[in-house]
Every structure is written in C-alpha cells, then in structure tokens.
Amino acid sequence: MVLPHANGECGLAAGDLNGDGLADIVANDGACANLLVFLSQGDGGFQSTAYGTPSVSEILLLPRAGKPPDLLLALSGLPIDAAFFVDLGVGVMHNLGDGTFSDAQTIAAQGGSSLAIGDFNGDCIPDVATPARNFYGCEAGWGTSVLYADGDGGFARSQQFLPAAGQGPMSVAVLGSVQHPGVIAVSDSCTGDIMVYGGSSGH
C-alpha cells in the first residue's frame, strides 16, 4: 500500500493516536509544509487529514498519561526554494482525543532541528531536548535546550540551556532506563564528538 503525498524525509512517526488500539501514521507532505495524519481503519486502509504547519524536520509522539499522545514537531524552517535552514523552535499539536489535533503551537527555543524525549528533572513527566544547530559553519556557543513539560500538554516558561563543548550540535538522543531516560547525548558535526550531559544538570 502507498500512502499518497506522504514524505518520510520530513519526519515520520507511528502509534495509536485515537485510543482504538490500532497503529496510526504521521508524516509530512512532499513540500514538508503540511502534516498528514493517517488513522488506521482496521481493514488495511487509512483515513487521512492534512494540517498546515511550518516546515518540519522531525516528528515525535509526546506521551500523556491516560490520553492519546500529542505531536511534537522539530520546526526546521527550511524554505523550499533556498539552501539554508533557520531553526524556529519546537511545535506542539495537542491531541483532541480522537486522533484530530489542534493547530501547531510554537515554543520558542534555541534549537528545533532534532528532538529527544526523556524525563530530565525526575518528575516522571516526559520533557524535550533539542540542539541549537548552526547550519552556517562551526563556532562555539551552540548548545542544547531542555523544555520541561507540565504533564497537561504544556511546558514551563523556564527552559534550561546546556552549553556545548563542541561547535556544531546536530543529533540528540537520550540514555538511561526505559522507564526514566534522563541523560542527554548530542553529536557534534564539526568535531565528530558526542557530548553527554548527565541529566539536565549538564554534568
């Protein structure tokens, strides 16, 4: 089966978005400008809905206790007709409970090209880490932002910025137990190193 107009290069995620026990799919369209939600119909078919969004480079499902997940978007801001990126931050689309979503809410942060989810402050609520990626060259000062979730689909006003040891943070991942991943690892495209932050303290 081919899902029409879907582009996995701009982000792809799968999970139960409406609580019916079936795996659904989220992707971007060919222009990376619209988010496509494909809800499984249980017979091999999918019902699709398109949502207009800023340019997206990655899509994750943000867990919520007892509720279907929200959509977490890395807002790369890549103009279709230009060869450069501008990180816009992180987008959140709140799940309305039936697999439909609110418009994307943009959370300003230093970063937005890649995302990782983990519990970085030990409150058992999934938080978000995103590197501030420098697309124009290698220079110091490009670190990683940590956004602390409030458990109700929102994020605290206060963010933490973890300074970079290298010059070009790119990809981010989390380490730790499956239940409570809390250590952040960030690759550096300029030095080839990996910076490991011991939780959100930066040690």
Protein backbone atom coordinates (compact mmCIF):
# COMPACT_ATOMS: atom_id res chain seq x y z
CA MET A 1 0.00 0.00 0.00
CA VAL A 2 1.19 3.52 -0.81
CA LEU A 3 0.09 6.46 1.32
CA PRO A 4 -0.34 9.31 -1.17
CA HIS A 5 1.59 12.58 -0.84
CA ALA A 6 3.46 11.44 2.29
CA ASN A 7 7.16 12.31 2.64
CA GLY A 8 9.10 10.42 5.31
CA GLU A 9 12.19 12.58 4.77
CA CYS A 10 10.49 15.39 6.68
CA GLY A 11 9.56 13.24 9.67
CA LEU A 12 7.64 10.04 10.24
CA ALA A 13 6.02 8.61 13.37
CA ALA A 14 3.61 5.80 14.19
CA GLY A 15 1.45 4.99 17.20
CA ASP A 16 -2.11 4.80 18.46
CA LEU A 17 -3.38 8.36 18.07
CA ASN A 18 -7.05 7.83 18.91
CA GLY A 19 -7.09 5.07 21.53
CA ASP A 20 -8.59 2.34 19.35
CA GLY A 21 -5.59 0.00 19.68
CA LEU A 22 -4.56 0.38 16.04
CA ALA A 23 -1.29 1.85 14.78
CA ASP A 24 -1.70 5.18 13.02
CA ILE A 25 0.87 7.13 10.99
CA VAL A 26 2.00 10.76 10.91
CA ALA A 27 4.12 12.15 8.08
CA ASN A 28 4.71 15.30 6.06
CA ASP A 29 3.70 16.01 2.51
CA GLY A 30 6.16 16.31 -0.35
CA ALA A 31 6.77 20.01 0.32
CA CYS A 32 7.35 19.46 4.07
CA ALA A 33 4.71 22.14 4.64
CA ASN A 34 1.65 20.13 5.70
CA LEU A 35 1.35 17.44 8.34
CA LEU A 36 -0.58 14.34 7.27
CA VAL A 37 -2.30 12.16 9.90
CA PHE A 38 -3.34 8.70 8.69
CA LEU A 39 -5.77 6.97 11.06
CA SER A 40 -5.96 3.20 10.63
CA GLN A 41 -9.41 1.90 9.74
CA GLY A 42 -8.66 -1.67 10.85
CA ASP A 43 -9.10 -3.11 7.37
CA GLY A 44 -5.72 -2.12 5.95
CA GLY A 45 -6.94 1.31 4.92
CA PHE A 46 -6.31 4.75 6.38
CA GLN A 47 -8.29 7.95 6.73
CA SER A 48 -6.08 10.99 6.18
CA THR A 49 -6.27 14.57 7.45
CA ALA A 50 -3.90 17.39 6.50
CA TYR A 51 -2.76 20.15 8.86
CA GLY A 52 -0.84 23.23 7.79
CA THR A 53 2.43 23.64 9.71
CA PRO A 54 5.76 25.46 9.43
CA SER A 55 8.49 23.39 7.78
CA VAL A 56 9.08 20.28 9.88
CA SER A 57 12.23 18.15 10.02
CA GLU A 58 11.21 15.61 12.66
CA ILE A 59 8.00 14.29 14.24
CA LEU A 60 7.72 12.55 17.62
CA LEU A 61 4.77 11.36 19.68
CA LEU A 62 4.70 13.08 23.08
CA PRO A 63 3.19 10.68 25.67
CA ARG A 64 0.45 11.89 28.02
CA ALA A 65 -0.74 9.83 30.98
CA GLY A 66 -4.08 8.18 30.24
CA LYS A 67 -4.54 10.10 27.00
CA PRO A 68 -3.55 9.70 23.35
CA PRO A 69 -0.19 11.34 22.56
CA ASP A 70 0.33 14.87 21.31
CA LEU A 71 2.51 15.56 18.27
CA LEU A 72 5.92 17.08 18.84
CA LEU A 73 7.49 18.83 15.84
CA ALA A 74 11.02 19.99 15.12
CA LEU A 75 10.46 23.23 13.23
CA SER A 76 13.41 23.49 10.90
CA GLY A 77 12.02 26.43 8.94
CA LEU A 78 13.66 25.23 5.71
CA PRO A 79 12.45 27.41 2.82
CA ILE A 80 11.58 25.19 -0.12
CA ASP A 81 13.43 27.38 -2.63
CA ALA A 82 16.56 28.13 -0.53
CA ALA A 83 19.57 26.12 0.58
CA PHE A 84 19.62 27.14 4.22
CA PHE A 85 17.82 26.34 7.47
CA VAL A 86 16.56 28.53 10.28
CA ASP A 87 15.61 26.74 13.48
CA LEU A 88 12.22 28.05 14.63
CA GLY A 89 11.91 26.06 17.83
CA VAL A 90 9.53 23.28 18.82
CA GLY A 91 5.92 22.83 17.76
CA VAL A 92 3.23 21.03 19.73
CA MET A 93 -0.09 19.87 18.29
CA HIS A 94 -2.46 18.84 21.05
CA ASN A 95 -4.44 15.64 20.55
CA LEU A 96 -8.16 16.33 20.91
CA GLY A 97 -8.68 12.71 21.98
CA ASP A 98 -9.99 11.27 18.74
CA GLY A 99 -6.88 11.46 16.57
CA THR A 100 -7.55 15.02 15.45
CA PHE A 101 -5.23 17.81 16.51
CA SER A 102 -5.14 21.49 17.34
CA ASP A 103 -3.10 23.93 15.30
CA ALA A 104 0.62 23.82 15.98
CA GLN A 105 1.72 25.91 18.95
CA THR A 106 5.30 27.13 18.56
CA ILE A 107 7.53 27.12 21.62
CA ALA A 108 10.48 29.44 21.13
CA ALA A 109 13.70 27.63 21.99
CA GLN A 110 17.32 27.64 20.91
CA GLY A 111 17.03 24.60 18.68
CA GLY A 112 14.39 22.79 16.72
CA SER A 113 16.19 20.75 14.07
CA SER A 114 16.07 17.48 16.05
CA LEU A 115 14.30 16.28 19.19
CA ALA A 116 14.55 13.75 22.01
CA ILE A 117 12.05 12.92 24.75
CA GLY A 118 13.07 11.97 28.29
CA ASP A 119 12.43 12.70 31.96
CA PHE A 120 15.19 15.23 32.61
CA ASN A 121 14.09 16.50 36.02
CA GLY A 122 12.84 13.30 37.68
CA ASP A 123 9.15 14.18 37.90
CA CYS A 124 8.05 11.23 35.70
CA ILE A 125 6.74 13.62 33.03
CA PRO A 126 8.31 13.44 29.54
CA ASP A 127 10.40 16.51 28.72
CA VAL A 128 12.05 17.57 25.46
CA ALA A 129 15.66 18.24 24.48
CA THR A 130 16.61 19.99 21.24
CA PRO A 131 20.04 21.13 20.00
CA ALA A 132 20.62 24.65 18.72
CA ARG A 133 22.10 23.72 15.38
CA ASN A 134 24.42 26.02 13.46
CA PHE A 135 23.95 25.47 9.72
CA TYR A 136 26.35 28.19 8.60
CA GLY A 137 29.67 26.97 9.97
CA CYS A 138 31.45 25.83 13.11
CA GLU A 139 31.60 28.15 16.08
CA ALA A 140 31.29 27.89 19.84
CA GLY A 141 28.10 28.62 21.78
CA TRP A 142 25.61 26.28 20.12
CA GLY A 143 24.21 24.18 22.96
CA THR A 144 21.05 22.22 23.75
CA SER A 145 17.73 23.48 25.10
CA VAL A 146 15.68 21.47 27.60
CA LEU A 147 11.94 22.14 27.77
CA TYR A 148 10.19 20.90 30.91
CA ALA A 149 6.66 19.56 30.40
CA ASP A 150 3.88 20.25 32.88
CA GLY A 151 2.02 16.96 32.32
CA ASP A 152 -1.01 18.66 30.82
CA GLY A 153 0.26 19.16 27.30
CA GLY A 154 2.15 22.35 28.03
CA PHE A 155 5.66 23.37 29.02
CA ALA A 156 7.05 25.50 31.81
CA ARG A 157 8.10 29.04 30.91
CA SER A 158 11.58 28.43 32.24
CA GLN A 159 13.92 26.46 29.97
CA GLN A 160 17.43 25.24 30.55
CA PHE A 161 20.22 25.81 28.05
CA LEU A 162 23.10 23.35 28.23
CA PRO A 163 26.30 24.86 26.81
CA ALA A 164 28.06 22.95 24.06
CA ALA A 165 31.56 21.57 24.36
CA GLY A 166 31.87 21.47 20.57
CA GLN A 167 30.86 23.79 17.77
CA GLY A 168 28.07 22.17 15.79
CA PRO A 169 25.41 20.19 17.71
CA MET A 170 23.26 18.11 15.38
CA SER A 171 21.56 14.89 16.52
CA VAL A 172 20.26 14.24 20.03
CA ALA A 173 19.37 11.05 21.92
CA VAL A 174 18.57 10.07 25.48
CA LEU A 175 20.17 7.40 27.67
CA GLY A 176 19.09 5.72 30.88
CA SER A 177 16.42 3.26 31.89
CA VAL A 178 13.49 2.63 29.59
CA GLN A 179 11.11 4.00 32.22
CA HIS A 180 13.14 7.11 33.07
CA PRO A 181 15.60 8.14 30.37
CA GLY A 182 17.36 11.17 31.76
CA VAL A 183 20.80 11.53 30.18
CA ILE A 184 21.21 13.57 27.01
CA ALA A 185 23.73 12.71 24.28
CA VAL A 186 24.38 15.19 21.47
CA SER A 187 26.55 14.60 18.41
CA ASP A 188 28.79 17.38 17.12
CA SER A 189 29.01 17.65 13.33
CA CYS A 190 32.12 19.84 13.48
CA THR A 191 34.33 17.88 15.87
CA GLY A 192 32.88 14.39 15.39
CA ASP A 193 32.49 14.08 19.17
CA ILE A 194 29.48 13.21 21.30
CA MET A 195 28.68 15.40 24.31
CA VAL A 196 26.95 13.55 27.16
CA TYR A 197 25.03 15.58 29.71
CA GLY A 198 24.32 13.74 32.96
CA GLY A 199 20.68 14.65 33.14
CA SER A 200 19.63 18.27 32.77
CA SER A 201 22.30 19.44 35.23
CA GLY A 202 24.90 19.41 32.46
CA HIS A 203 27.47 17.42 34.50
